[in-house]
Amino acid sequence: MDSVEVFKALSNKTRLQILSWLKDPETHFPAQEQMSLDCHGVCVGQIQIKCGLSQSTVSEYLSLLQRTGLVTATRVGQWTYYKRNEEGIKLLEQFIQNEI
């Protein structure tokens, strides 16, 4: 884990909000046809609608969160679904407890 990159990713209010929404996707996003929010994650289009930002901006935010290990992506056909990477979140928690 590159701690500097992780903290850069977390330094944006919208990216923090996305992580918060993905913690409990059933509360924050509508049900998706044929895809489980828990299993596959949330479609990037639903995240984009909730953020109210352009699709390219949201995709860049999600890509950064993925590169830092805070979310995972699953590609199904033409759609990409994102969910929190709880292992990555735990590593961040351990880093904060042990190093800061």
PDB file of N, CA and C in Angstrom:
ATOM      1  N   MET A   1       0.850  -1.181   0.000  1.00  0.00           N
ATOM      2  CA  MET A   1       0.000   0.000   0.000  1.00  0.00           C
ATOM      3  C   MET A   1       0.891   1.238   0.000  1.00  0.00           C
ATOM      4  N   ASP A   2       0.659   2.097  -0.972  1.00  0.00           N
ATOM      5  CA  ASP A   2       1.368   3.371  -1.044  1.00  0.00           C
ATOM      6  C   ASP A   2       0.556   4.387  -0.245  1.00  0.00           C
ATOM      7  N   SER A   3       0.961   4.616   0.991  1.00  0.00           N
ATOM      8  CA  SER A   3       0.167   5.446   1.897  1.00  0.00           C
ATOM      9  C   SER A   3      -0.039   6.861   1.375  1.00  0.00           C
ATOM     10  N   VAL A   4       0.955   7.437   0.715  1.00  0.00           N
ATOM     11  CA  VAL A   4       0.806   8.791   0.181  1.00  0.00           C
ATOM     12  C   VAL A   4      -0.301   8.814  -0.869  1.00  0.00           C
ATOM     13  N   GLU A   5      -0.316   7.831  -1.762  1.00  0.00           N
ATOM     14  CA  GLU A   5      -1.354   7.767  -2.801  1.00  0.00           C
ATOM     15  C   GLU A   5      -2.736   7.531  -2.197  1.00  0.00           C
ATOM     16  N   VAL A   6      -2.804   6.702  -1.166  1.00  0.00           N
ATOM     17  CA  VAL A   6      -4.086   6.449  -0.513  1.00  0.00           C
ATOM     18  C   VAL A   6      -4.613   7.742   0.100  1.00  0.00           C
ATOM     19  N   PHE A   7      -3.760   8.466   0.794  1.00  0.00           N
ATOM     20  CA  PHE A   7      -4.223   9.705   1.423  1.00  0.00           C
ATOM     21  C   PHE A   7      -4.567  10.771   0.390  1.00  0.00           C
ATOM     22  N   LYS A   8      -3.885  10.775  -0.754  1.00  0.00           N
ATOM     23  CA  LYS A   8      -4.282  11.666  -1.848  1.00  0.00           C
ATOM     24  C   LYS A   8      -5.683  11.306  -2.339  1.00  0.00           C
ATOM     25  N   ALA A   9      -5.925  10.005  -2.481  1.00  0.00           N
ATOM     26  CA  ALA A   9      -7.247   9.562  -2.935  1.00  0.00           C
ATOM     27  C   ALA A   9      -8.332   9.963  -1.944  1.00  0.00           C
ATOM     28  N   LEU A  10      -7.995   9.942  -0.668  1.00  0.00           N
ATOM     29  CA  LEU A  10      -8.974  10.273   0.367  1.00  0.00           C
ATOM     30  C   LEU A  10      -9.109  11.774   0.602  1.00  0.00           C
ATOM     31  N   SER A  11      -8.305  12.573  -0.080  1.00  0.00           N
ATOM     32  CA  SER A  11      -8.316  14.018   0.159  1.00  0.00           C
ATOM     33  C   SER A  11      -9.393  14.747  -0.637  1.00  0.00           C
ATOM     34  N   ASN A  12     -10.273  13.992  -1.276  1.00  0.00           N
ATOM     35  CA  ASN A  12     -11.343  14.577  -2.079  1.00  0.00           C
ATOM     36  C   ASN A  12     -12.687  14.198  -1.463  1.00  0.00           C
ATOM     37  N   LYS A  13     -13.537  15.197  -1.247  1.00  0.00           N
ATOM     38  CA  LYS A  13     -14.822  14.972  -0.578  1.00  0.00           C
ATOM     39  C   LYS A  13     -15.697  13.973  -1.335  1.00  0.00           C
ATOM     40  N   THR A  14     -15.730  14.056  -2.650  1.00  0.00           N
ATOM     41  CA  THR A  14     -16.570  13.148  -3.431  1.00  0.00           C
ATOM     42  C   THR A  14     -16.059  11.716  -3.356  1.00  0.00           C
ATOM     43  N   ARG A  15     -14.752  11.525  -3.418  1.00  0.00           N
ATOM     44  CA  ARG A  15     -14.213  10.168  -3.315  1.00  0.00           C
ATOM     45  C   ARG A  15     -14.510   9.575  -1.934  1.00  0.00           C
ATOM     46  N   LEU A  16     -14.429  10.384  -0.903  1.00  0.00           N
ATOM     47  CA  LEU A  16     -14.802   9.912   0.439  1.00  0.00           C
ATOM     48  C   LEU A  16     -16.278   9.534   0.484  1.00  0.00           C
ATOM     49  N   GLN A  17     -17.105  10.349  -0.158  1.00  0.00           N
ATOM     50  CA  GLN A  17     -18.548  10.077  -0.183  1.00  0.00           C
ATOM     51  C   GLN A  17     -18.830   8.777  -0.926  1.00  0.00           C
ATOM     52  N   ILE A  18     -18.142   8.538  -2.029  1.00  0.00           N
ATOM     53  CA  ILE A  18     -18.316   7.294  -2.781  1.00  0.00           C
ATOM     54  C   ILE A  18     -17.989   6.094  -1.888  1.00  0.00           C
ATOM     55  N   LEU A  19     -16.882   6.157  -1.165  1.00  0.00           N
ATOM     56  CA  LEU A  19     -16.528   5.057  -0.254  1.00  0.00           C
ATOM     57  C   LEU A  19     -17.603   4.855   0.805  1.00  0.00           C
ATOM     58  N   SER A  20     -18.155   5.944   1.305  1.00  0.00           N
ATOM     59  CA  SER A  20     -19.219   5.854   2.300  1.00  0.00           C
ATOM     60  C   SER A  20     -20.468   5.205   1.699  1.00  0.00           C
ATOM     61  N   TRP A  21     -20.855   5.622   0.507  1.00  0.00           N
ATOM     62  CA  TRP A  21     -22.020   5.022  -0.154  1.00  0.00           C
ATOM     63  C   TRP A  21     -21.811   3.541  -0.409  1.00  0.00           C
ATOM     64  N   LEU A  22     -20.610   3.173  -0.839  1.00  0.00           N
ATOM     65  CA  LEU A  22     -20.333   1.773  -1.152  1.00  0.00           C
ATOM     66  C   LEU A  22     -20.269   0.896   0.095  1.00  0.00           C
ATOM     67  N   LYS A  23     -20.142   1.504   1.253  1.00  0.00           N
ATOM     68  CA  LYS A  23     -20.149   0.726   2.500  1.00  0.00           C
ATOM     69  C   LYS A  23     -21.518   0.085   2.718  1.00  0.00           C
ATOM     70  N   ASP A  24     -22.574   0.771   2.288  1.00  0.00           N
ATOM     71  CA  ASP A  24     -23.941   0.264   2.439  1.00  0.00           C
ATOM     72  C   ASP A  24     -24.717   0.560   1.154  1.00  0.00           C
ATOM     73  N   PRO A  25     -24.408  -0.168   0.077  1.00  0.00           N
ATOM     74  CA  PRO A  25     -24.984   0.173  -1.223  1.00  0.00           C
ATOM     75  C   PRO A  25     -26.504   0.033  -1.298  1.00  0.00           C
ATOM     76  N   GLU A  26     -27.102  -0.889  -0.546  1.00  0.00           N
ATOM     77  CA  GLU A  26     -28.554  -1.058  -0.592  1.00  0.00           C
ATOM     78  C   GLU A  26     -29.290   0.186  -0.110  1.00  0.00           C
ATOM     79  N   THR A  27     -28.673   0.920   0.794  1.00  0.00           N
ATOM     80  CA  THR A  27     -29.273   2.145   1.317  1.00  0.00           C
ATOM     81  C   THR A  27     -29.129   3.305   0.339  1.00  0.00           C
ATOM     82  N   HIS A  28     -28.038   3.337  -0.405  1.00  0.00           N
ATOM     83  CA  HIS A  28     -27.706   4.517  -1.208  1.00  0.00           C
ATOM     84  C   HIS A  28     -27.971   4.389  -2.703  1.00  0.00           C
ATOM     85  N   PHE A  29     -28.228   3.174  -3.192  1.00  0.00           N
ATOM     86  CA  PHE A  29     -28.414   2.978  -4.628  1.00  0.00           C
ATOM     87  C   PHE A  29     -29.641   2.114  -4.888  1.00  0.00           C
ATOM     88  N   PRO A  30     -30.289   2.321  -6.040  1.00  0.00           N
ATOM     89  CA  PRO A  30     -31.432   1.466  -6.381  1.00  0.00           C
ATOM     90  C   PRO A  30     -30.966   0.050  -6.728  1.00  0.00           C
ATOM     91  N   ALA A  31     -31.879  -0.896  -6.615  1.00  0.00           N
ATOM     92  CA  ALA A  31     -31.561  -2.274  -6.993  1.00  0.00           C
ATOM     93  C   ALA A  31     -31.218  -2.316  -8.478  1.00  0.00           C
ATOM     94  N   GLN A  32     -30.321  -3.225  -8.829  1.00  0.00           N
ATOM     95  CA  GLN A  32     -29.888  -3.381 -10.210  1.00  0.00           C
ATOM     96  C   GLN A  32     -30.450  -4.686 -10.761  1.00  0.00           C
ATOM     97  N   GLU A  33     -30.929  -4.644 -11.985  1.00  0.00           N
ATOM     98  CA  GLU A  33     -31.463  -5.845 -12.608  1.00  0.00           C
ATOM     99  C   GLU A  33     -30.362  -6.889 -12.760  1.00  0.00           C
ATOM    100  N   GLN A  34     -30.619  -8.091 -12.301  1.00  0.00           N
ATOM    101  CA  GLN A  34     -29.765  -9.256 -12.480  1.00  0.00           C
ATOM    102  C   GLN A  34     -28.375  -9.134 -11.836  1.00  0.00           C
ATOM    103  N   MET A  35     -28.112  -8.102 -11.072  1.00  0.00           N
ATOM    104  CA  MET A  35     -26.815  -7.942 -10.414  1.00  0.00           C
ATOM    105  C   MET A  35     -27.041  -7.617  -8.940  1.00  0.00           C
ATOM    106  N   SER A  36     -26.362  -8.352  -8.087  1.00  0.00           N
ATOM    107  CA  SER A  36     -26.456  -8.115  -6.656  1.00  0.00           C
ATOM    108  C   SER A  36     -25.504  -6.984  -6.266  1.00  0.00           C
ATOM    109  N   LEU A  37     -26.013  -6.011  -5.520  1.00  0.00           N
ATOM    110  CA  LEU A  37     -25.153  -4.931  -5.042  1.00  0.00           C
ATOM    111  C   LEU A  37     -24.043  -5.472  -4.153  1.00  0.00           C
ATOM    112  N   ASP A  38     -24.363  -6.463  -3.317  1.00  0.00           N
ATOM    113  CA  ASP A  38     -23.356  -7.037  -2.425  1.00  0.00           C
ATOM    114  C   ASP A  38     -22.303  -7.832  -3.179  1.00  0.00           C
ATOM    115  N   CYS A  39     -22.735  -8.589  -4.157  1.00  0.00           N
ATOM    116  CA  CYS A  39     -21.820  -9.488  -4.865  1.00  0.00           C
ATOM    117  C   CYS A  39     -20.988  -8.758  -5.917  1.00  0.00           C
ATOM    118  N   HIS A  40     -21.633  -8.027  -6.800  1.00  0.00           N
ATOM    119  CA  HIS A  40     -20.934  -7.413  -7.925  1.00  0.00           C
ATOM    120  C   HIS A  40     -20.545  -5.960  -7.673  1.00  0.00           C
ATOM    121  N   GLY A  41     -21.267  -5.285  -6.813  1.00  0.00           N
ATOM    122  CA  GLY A  41     -21.014  -3.872  -6.585  1.00  0.00           C
ATOM    123  C   GLY A  41     -22.042  -3.014  -7.297  1.00  0.00           C
ATOM    124  N   VAL A  42     -21.718  -1.754  -7.442  1.00  0.00           N
ATOM    125  CA  VAL A  42     -22.632  -0.761  -8.002  1.00  0.00           C
ATOM    126  C   VAL A  42     -22.117  -0.337  -9.365  1.00  0.00           C
ATOM    127  N   CYS A  43     -23.030  -0.262 -10.323  1.00  0.00           N
ATOM    128  CA  CYS A  43     -22.674   0.160 -11.672  1.00  0.00           C
ATOM    129  C   CYS A  43     -22.162   1.605 -11.646  1.00  0.00           C
ATOM    130  N   VAL A  44     -21.113   1.855 -12.414  1.00  0.00           N
ATOM    131  CA  VAL A  44     -20.520   3.189 -12.450  1.00  0.00           C
ATOM    132  C   VAL A  44     -21.556   4.247 -12.824  1.00  0.00           C
ATOM    133  N   GLY A  45     -22.528   3.887 -13.654  1.00  0.00           N
ATOM    134  CA  GLY A  45     -23.569   4.843 -14.036  1.00  0.00           C
ATOM    135  C   GLY A  45     -24.407   5.291 -12.857  1.00  0.00           C
ATOM    136  N   GLN A  46     -24.699   4.379 -11.932  1.00  0.00           N
ATOM    137  CA  GLN A  46     -25.465   4.739 -10.738  1.00  0.00           C
ATOM    138  C   GLN A  46     -24.653   5.640  -9.810  1.00  0.00           C
ATOM    139  N   ILE A  47     -23.363   5.361  -9.720  1.00  0.00           N
ATOM    140  CA  ILE A  47     -22.493   6.209  -8.898  1.00  0.00           C
ATOM    141  C   ILE A  47     -22.422   7.607  -9.511  1.00  0.00           C
ATOM    142  N   GLN A  48     -22.313   7.667 -10.831  1.00  0.00           N
ATOM    143  CA  GLN A  48     -22.230   8.948 -11.531  1.00  0.00           C
ATOM    144  C   GLN A  48     -23.503   9.768 -11.300  1.00  0.00           C
ATOM    145  N   ILE A  49     -24.661   9.128 -11.386  1.00  0.00           N
ATOM    146  CA  ILE A  49     -25.929   9.834 -11.157  1.00  0.00           C
ATOM    147  C   ILE A  49     -25.967  10.392  -9.738  1.00  0.00           C
ATOM    148  N   LYS A  50     -25.579   9.583  -8.769  1.00  0.00           N
ATOM    149  CA  LYS A  50     -25.625  10.019  -7.370  1.00  0.00           C
ATOM    150  C   LYS A  50     -24.648  11.167  -7.107  1.00  0.00           C
ATOM    151  N   CYS A  51     -23.482  11.125  -7.741  1.00  0.00           N
ATOM    152  CA  CYS A  51     -22.486  12.184  -7.557  1.00  0.00           C
ATOM    153  C   CYS A  51     -22.908  13.489  -8.232  1.00  0.00           C
ATOM    154  N   GLY A  52     -23.612  13.358  -9.347  1.00  0.00           N
ATOM    155  CA  GLY A  52     -23.989  14.543 -10.106  1.00  0.00           C
ATOM    156  C   GLY A  52     -22.818  15.145 -10.870  1.00  0.00           C
ATOM    157  N   LEU A  53     -21.811  14.337 -11.139  1.00  0.00           N
ATOM    158  CA  LEU A  53     -20.634  14.796 -11.882  1.00  0.00           C
ATOM    159  C   LEU A  53     -20.596  14.086 -13.228  1.00  0.00           C
ATOM    160  N   SER A  54     -19.704  14.521 -14.097  1.00  0.00           N
ATOM    161  CA  SER A  54     -19.589  13.890 -15.410  1.00  0.00           C
ATOM    162  C   SER A  54     -19.106  12.449 -15.248  1.00  0.00           C
ATOM    163  N   GLN A  55     -19.449  11.630 -16.235  1.00  0.00           N
ATOM    164  CA  GLN A  55     -19.049  10.233 -16.214  1.00  0.00           C
ATOM    165  C   GLN A  55     -17.533  10.110 -16.224  1.00  0.00           C
ATOM    166  N   SER A  56     -16.853  10.978 -16.966  1.00  0.00           N
ATOM    167  CA  SER A  56     -15.388  10.892 -17.029  1.00  0.00           C
ATOM    168  C   SER A  56     -14.751  11.236 -15.680  1.00  0.00           C
ATOM    169  N   THR A  57     -15.301  12.206 -14.967  1.00  0.00           N
ATOM    170  CA  THR A  57     -14.778  12.570 -13.646  1.00  0.00           C
ATOM    171  C   THR A  57     -14.976  11.427 -12.657  1.00  0.00           C
ATOM    172  N   VAL A  58     -16.167  10.864 -12.648  1.00  0.00           N
ATOM    173  CA  VAL A  58     -16.459   9.758 -11.728  1.00  0.00           C
ATOM    174  C   VAL A  58     -15.590   8.550 -12.065  1.00  0.00           C
ATOM    175  N   SER A  59     -15.400   8.274 -13.348  1.00  0.00           N
ATOM    176  CA  SER A  59     -14.542   7.151 -13.744  1.00  0.00           C
ATOM    177  C   SER A  59     -13.110   7.370 -13.278  1.00  0.00           C
ATOM    178  N   GLU A  60     -12.632   8.598 -13.377  1.00  0.00           N
ATOM    179  CA  GLU A  60     -11.277   8.901 -12.896  1.00  0.00           C
ATOM    180  C   GLU A  60     -11.183   8.723 -11.380  1.00  0.00           C
ATOM    181  N   TYR A  61     -12.194   9.191 -10.650  1.00  0.00           N
ATOM    182  CA  TYR A  61     -12.210   9.016  -9.196  1.00  0.00           C
ATOM    183  C   TYR A  61     -12.188   7.535  -8.830  1.00  0.00           C
ATOM    184  N   LEU A  62     -13.032   6.740  -9.495  1.00  0.00           N
ATOM    185  CA  LEU A  62     -13.097   5.311  -9.194  1.00  0.00           C
ATOM    186  C   LEU A  62     -11.808   4.596  -9.582  1.00  0.00           C
ATOM    187  N   SER A  63     -11.210   5.016 -10.673  1.00  0.00           N
ATOM    188  CA  SER A  63      -9.937   4.426 -11.096  1.00  0.00           C
ATOM    189  C   SER A  63      -8.854   4.680 -10.049  1.00  0.00           C
ATOM    190  N   LEU A  64      -8.812   5.882  -9.513  1.00  0.00           N
ATOM    191  CA  LEU A  64      -7.841   6.203  -8.462  1.00  0.00           C
ATOM    192  C   LEU A  64      -8.101   5.368  -7.211  1.00  0.00           C
ATOM    193  N   LEU A  65      -9.364   5.256  -6.817  1.00  0.00           N
ATOM    194  CA  LEU A  65      -9.691   4.439  -5.644  1.00  0.00           C
ATOM    195  C   LEU A  65      -9.324   2.971  -5.877  1.00  0.00           C
ATOM    196  N   GLN A  66      -9.466   2.511  -7.111  1.00  0.00           N
ATOM    197  CA  GLN A  66      -9.091   1.135  -7.431  1.00  0.00           C
ATOM    198  C   GLN A  66      -7.574   0.959  -7.393  1.00  0.00           C
ATOM    199  N   ARG A  67      -6.838   1.894  -7.971  1.00  0.00           N
ATOM    200  CA  ARG A  67      -5.371   1.794  -7.975  1.00  0.00           C
ATOM    201  C   ARG A  67      -4.802   1.778  -6.564  1.00  0.00           C
ATOM    202  N   THR A  68      -5.459   2.474  -5.641  1.00  0.00           N
ATOM    203  CA  THR A  68      -4.975   2.516  -4.265  1.00  0.00           C
ATOM    204  C   THR A  68      -5.481   1.346  -3.429  1.00  0.00           C
ATOM    205  N   GLY A  69      -6.298   0.471  -4.028  1.00  0.00           N
ATOM    206  CA  GLY A  69      -6.759  -0.722  -3.333  1.00  0.00           C
ATOM    207  C   GLY A  69      -7.960  -0.521  -2.438  1.00  0.00           C
ATOM    208  N   LEU A  70      -8.644   0.615  -2.562  1.00  0.00           N
ATOM    209  CA  LEU A  70      -9.791   0.884  -1.700  1.00  0.00           C
ATOM    210  C   LEU A  70     -11.102   0.377  -2.282  1.00  0.00           C
ATOM    211  N   VAL A  71     -11.157   0.168  -3.595  1.00  0.00           N
ATOM    212  CA  VAL A  71     -12.321  -0.432  -4.241  1.00  0.00           C
ATOM    213  C   VAL A  71     -11.848  -1.481  -5.234  1.00  0.00           C
ATOM    214  N   THR A  72     -12.753  -2.378  -5.583  1.00  0.00           N
ATOM    215  CA  THR A  72     -12.487  -3.354  -6.638  1.00  0.00           C
ATOM    216  C   THR A  72     -13.506  -3.140  -7.748  1.00  0.00           C
ATOM    217  N   ALA A  73     -13.125  -3.535  -8.947  1.00  0.00           N
ATOM    218  CA  ALA A  73     -14.005  -3.393 -10.103  1.00  0.00           C
ATOM    219  C   ALA A  73     -14.258  -4.759 -10.715  1.00  0.00           C
ATOM    220  N   THR A  74     -15.486  -4.964 -11.163  1.00  0.00           N
ATOM    221  CA  THR A  74     -15.871  -6.175 -11.876  1.00  0.00           C
ATOM    222  C   THR A  74     -16.502  -5.752 -13.189  1.00  0.00           C
ATOM    223  N   ARG A  75     -15.965  -6.261 -14.272  1.00  0.00           N
ATOM    224  CA  ARG A  75     -16.483  -5.935 -15.602  1.00  0.00           C
ATOM    225  C   ARG A  75     -17.461  -7.028 -16.024  1.00  0.00           C
ATOM    226  N   VAL A  76     -18.676  -6.626 -16.405  1.00  0.00           N
ATOM    227  CA  VAL A  76     -19.696  -7.551 -16.899  1.00  0.00           C
ATOM    228  C   VAL A  76     -20.213  -6.969 -18.208  1.00  0.00           C
ATOM    229  N   GLY A  77     -19.772  -7.556 -19.309  1.00  0.00           N
ATOM    230  CA  GLY A  77     -20.142  -7.007 -20.616  1.00  0.00           C
ATOM    231  C   GLY A  77     -19.573  -5.610 -20.765  1.00  0.00           C
ATOM    232  N   GLN A  78     -20.445  -4.671 -21.076  1.00  0.00           N
ATOM    233  CA  GLN A  78     -20.002  -3.286 -21.251  1.00  0.00           C
ATOM    234  C   GLN A  78     -20.047  -2.481 -19.954  1.00  0.00           C
ATOM    235  N   TRP A  79     -20.489  -3.085 -18.876  1.00  0.00           N
ATOM    236  CA  TRP A  79     -20.670  -2.369 -17.617  1.00  0.00           C
ATOM    237  C   TRP A  79     -19.563  -2.706 -16.626  1.00  0.00           C
ATOM    238  N   THR A  80     -19.215  -1.730 -15.806  1.00  0.00           N
ATOM    239  CA  THR A  80     -18.249  -1.940 -14.733  1.00  0.00           C
ATOM    240  C   THR A  80     -18.934  -1.653 -13.406  1.00  0.00           C
ATOM    241  N   TYR A  81     -18.748  -2.560 -12.458  1.00  0.00           N
ATOM    242  CA  TYR A  81     -19.353  -2.468 -11.133  1.00  0.00           C
ATOM    243  C   TYR A  81     -18.247  -2.308 -10.100  1.00  0.00           C
ATOM    244  N   TYR A  82     -18.483  -1.426  -9.144  1.00  0.00           N
ATOM    245  CA  TYR A  82     -17.489  -1.143  -8.107  1.00  0.00           C
ATOM    246  C   TYR A  82     -18.044  -1.469  -6.730  1.00  0.00           C
ATOM    247  N   LYS A  83     -17.157  -1.987  -5.887  1.00  0.00           N
ATOM    248  CA  LYS A  83     -17.497  -2.174  -4.475  1.00  0.00           C
ATOM    249  C   LYS A  83     -16.252  -1.915  -3.641  1.00  0.00           C
ATOM    250  N   ARG A  84     -16.483  -1.670  -2.363  1.00  0.00           N
ATOM    251  CA  ARG A  84     -15.357  -1.428  -1.456  1.00  0.00           C
ATOM    252  C   ARG A  84     -14.502  -2.671  -1.326  1.00  0.00           C
ATOM    253  N   ASN A  85     -13.215  -2.454  -1.223  1.00  0.00           N
ATOM    254  CA  ASN A  85     -12.280  -3.544  -0.946  1.00  0.00           C
ATOM    255  C   ASN A  85     -12.024  -3.509   0.556  1.00  0.00           C
ATOM    256  N   GLU A  86     -12.743  -4.316   1.286  1.00  0.00           N
ATOM    257  CA  GLU A  86     -12.646  -4.280   2.750  1.00  0.00           C
ATOM    258  C   GLU A  86     -11.253  -4.670   3.231  1.00  0.00           C
ATOM    259  N   GLU A  87     -10.549  -5.520   2.475  1.00  0.00           N
ATOM    260  CA  GLU A  87      -9.164  -5.845   2.829  1.00  0.00           C
ATOM    261  C   GLU A  87      -8.286  -4.605   2.762  1.00  0.00           C
ATOM    262  N   GLY A  88      -8.457  -3.826   1.712  1.00  0.00           N
ATOM    263  CA  GLY A  88      -7.694  -2.584   1.558  1.00  0.00           C
ATOM    264  C   GLY A  88      -8.014  -1.580   2.655  1.00  0.00           C
ATOM    265  N   ILE A  89      -9.276  -1.501   3.026  1.00  0.00           N
ATOM    266  CA  ILE A  89      -9.702  -0.603   4.109  1.00  0.00           C
ATOM    267  C   ILE A  89      -9.047  -1.049   5.423  1.00  0.00           C
ATOM    268  N   LYS A  90      -9.005  -2.361   5.658  1.00  0.00           N
ATOM    269  CA  LYS A  90      -8.379  -2.883   6.885  1.00  0.00           C
ATOM    270  C   LYS A  90      -6.877  -2.599   6.907  1.00  0.00           C
ATOM    271  N   LEU A  91      -6.225  -2.724   5.747  1.00  0.00           N
ATOM    272  CA  LEU A  91      -4.802  -2.392   5.678  1.00  0.00           C
ATOM    273  C   LEU A  91      -4.566  -0.926   6.008  1.00  0.00           C
ATOM    274  N   LEU A  92      -5.430  -0.063   5.517  1.00  0.00           N
ATOM    275  CA  LEU A  92      -5.320   1.366   5.826  1.00  0.00           C
ATOM    276  C   LEU A  92      -5.516   1.594   7.322  1.00  0.00           C
ATOM    277  N   GLU A  93      -6.503   0.936   7.897  1.00  0.00           N
ATOM    278  CA  GLU A  93      -6.754   1.060   9.331  1.00  0.00           C
ATOM    279  C   GLU A  93      -5.533   0.616  10.143  1.00  0.00           C
ATOM    280  N   GLN A  94      -4.934  -0.501   9.745  1.00  0.00           N
ATOM    281  CA  GLN A  94      -3.744  -0.998  10.439  1.00  0.00           C
ATOM    282  C   GLN A  94      -2.579  -0.030  10.283  1.00  0.00           C
ATOM    283  N   PHE A  95      -2.406   0.530   9.097  1.00  0.00           N
ATOM    284  CA  PHE A  95      -1.341   1.495   8.868  1.00  0.00           C
ATOM    285  C   PHE A  95      -1.514   2.698   9.792  1.00  0.00           C
ATOM    286  N   ILE A  96      -2.735   3.204   9.883  1.00  0.00           N
ATOM    287  CA  ILE A  96      -2.989   4.369  10.732  1.00  0.00           C
ATOM    288  C   ILE A  96      -2.704   4.037  12.192  1.00  0.00           C
ATOM    289  N   GLN A  97      -3.158   2.883  12.635  1.00  0.00           N
ATOM    290  CA  GLN A  97      -2.951   2.492  14.037  1.00  0.00           C
ATOM    291  C   GLN A  97      -1.485   2.271  14.364  1.00  0.00           C
ATOM    292  N   ASN A  98      -0.732   1.689  13.442  1.00  0.00           N
ATOM    293  CA  ASN A  98       0.647   1.318  13.718  1.00  0.00           C
ATOM    294  C   ASN A  98       1.690   2.364  13.353  1.00  0.00           C
ATOM    295  N   GLU A  99       1.401   3.197  12.380  1.00  0.00           N
ATOM    296  CA  GLU A  99       2.417   4.085  11.860  1.00  0.00           C
ATOM    297  C   GLU A  99       2.200   5.561  12.139  1.00  0.00           C
ATOM    298  N   ILE A 100       0.970   5.926  12.432  1.00  0.00           N
ATOM    299  CA  ILE A 100       0.708   7.362  12.618  1.00  0.00           C
ATOM    300  C   ILE A 100       0.441   7.659  14.091  1.00  0.00           C
TER     301      ILE A 100
END
